Amino acid sequence: MEESRNFIEEIIDSDLASGKVTTVATRFPPEPNGYLHIGHAKSLCINFGIAQKYNGTCNLRFDDTNPCKEDQEYVNSIKADIEWLGFKWDNLYFASDYFDVMFDCAVKLINKGLAYVSDETADEIRERRGTLTEPGIESPYRNRSVEENLKLFYEMRDGKYADGAKVLRAKIDMSSPNVNMRDPIIYRVLHATHHNTGDKWCIYPMYDFAHPIEDAHEGITHSICTLEFEDHRPLYDWVVKNCDFPEPLPQQIEFARLNITNTIMSKRYLKKLVDEGKVLGWDDPRMPTLSGLRRRGIPAEALKDFCERIGVSKANSEVEEGYLYSCVRDNLNQNTDRVLAVFDPLKVVLTNYDGSEELAVENNPNAENVTCRNVPFSRELYIDRSDFALVPPPKYYRLKPDGYVRLKGAYIIHCDEALTDSEGNVTELHCSVVPNSKSGNDESGIKVKGVIQWVDAATCVDVTVRKLQSLLTDPVDGITDFNQRFNEDSMKLVSAKVEPSLKNAKVGDKFQFMRVGYYVLDRDSKDGQLVFNEIVGLKDGFKAGK
């Protein structure tokens, strides 16, 4: 069966077959002005995945052309996120490494009569740009001589002018149907200290000018980006052509970005949440940042599996949040140990049981080699209050008065008596252990349908659990503004009792709390004060094609 290929791979296959390129070179070019989010995971998988598939290269390049918004903290976080996903870059570059190259390219365009210095304000440029149906108006400075433009541009570089006093514009076509081609700004004056170059420069290139130069200078063959850059492609091609880079010139290819229901895909808004203290930081386990997903316990392989399943397309669409969690659940089901935990404890006293023992309980029944751990068991236990009903509904298979249930990995017990308070609330259960009913060696002859989790009262550990929901509520009545949809109840702290083996857990260790969900030990944990983040529940509500 022939391997299926997405449209990007079809383009690459054609380029290789025609001899247009002999090797494949991609790049991942984030701006270090925030932390990467789940949308970047798709771009990472595409760019690094193509390099791996075609035995090519993939560079990590920081597009740091705006010193006002960039920081070394973001550079470090991006590196850590890429490594967490298991990708390795072939070369590490910064756009600022090429500031001299970009300056020389700008000078070349001026000498060709293809760029000019303008004294217009940003508002004046915007007013003269025109509309989609009306052409723009040429700048009064458009016909300055080459000599005057060179003089002014060098003076811009030397710091003679204040921010916004002058800009360098490409000289293309003010009547172009593509507004991006109407003499776009390619350099601006900006007196700001750069995290990489310090105070060497007081002029900085615009992204649309810098990016194609970076790609061409590095020998990138296929510059893969999201659909919002499709209208910028003619400008991309114009820059690499007129700056006289050698063949083969890089080719820009656009794909549909990743959008997920109830998930924030705006770095600007994510930063707002951090700055306003509405979240614990960029790596808050509710955040859709890669560092937040990592802290939440989302496995890197599950995230890559999700990106692989949704595929690569040319049309924007929205993926259900449940699809991601379905991929996560599939991974965790295979790779996490099961442990005992009780969230709403109800005390059980085993009236016919004395002493204590350690019971062998399976870690993960789906593991290639199933192992067991020893769990303490004694006369007093806790079960979850939801697993007992004083007045049970029909077909109720958990514990009830004069009913039987199996304790996971332990014994069958019978409910002899339920103690209640003055308001009729159950406070304690008195039960008896069925003789010869131990798991793995049951000779009792009693068949029960219900199996519930429990913890030993004498040795269990009290922990704090963060129950997590989306940061956004569902859009109602056409309200899509993030500020109005912020979910104030997206994190709730609850107490739980867990088996004592979890005292030895390390930060980042993941578990299935039996019959409850998947959880990860958070870095806020301290000795005697364990904190677990909810990863995802056990129930998969996602239906493909729904």
Foldseek 3Di string as FASTA:
>chain_A
DDDDDDPVVVVVVVCCVVVLDVAAEEEQEEAQLFFAFLLVVLVLCVRQVVCVVRVHFYEYEHAHQDQVRHDVVSVVRRVVLSVLLPGDHPYYYYLVVCPVVLLVLLLLCLVVLFKAKAQDAPVVCVVQLADLVFFGDDGPGSPDHSVVRVVVVVCLFVPVDDWRRMFMWTRAGRRDSLSLRNGHTFKTFAQDAHPPPGRNGRMGTDPLQSVQVVCLVVVHAEYEEAPVCVSSQVSSVVNCVSSPRDPPRHDYDHWHTAAEPLADPDRVVLVVCQVVVVAPHCLGCQHSGSNVLLLLQQRSVLSSVLSVVVDIHRDYDYHYPLSSVVSSLVVCLQPAFEFAKEFAWAKEFAPPWADKDWFWAWGHPNYPDIGTDTFIDHGMKIFYPVQEDADDDPPRQGAYAQDWAAEHQAFIKGFPDFDADPVRHTRYTYIHTQPQGGPPGRPRPDDGDHYGYMHHPVAWAKEKEWEADHQFDHDDPPDDDSVVGGDSPRIDIGIMITTNVCLPDDASHWHQHPPWAIWGWGPVDDRSYTYIYGNDGNDRPDDPPD
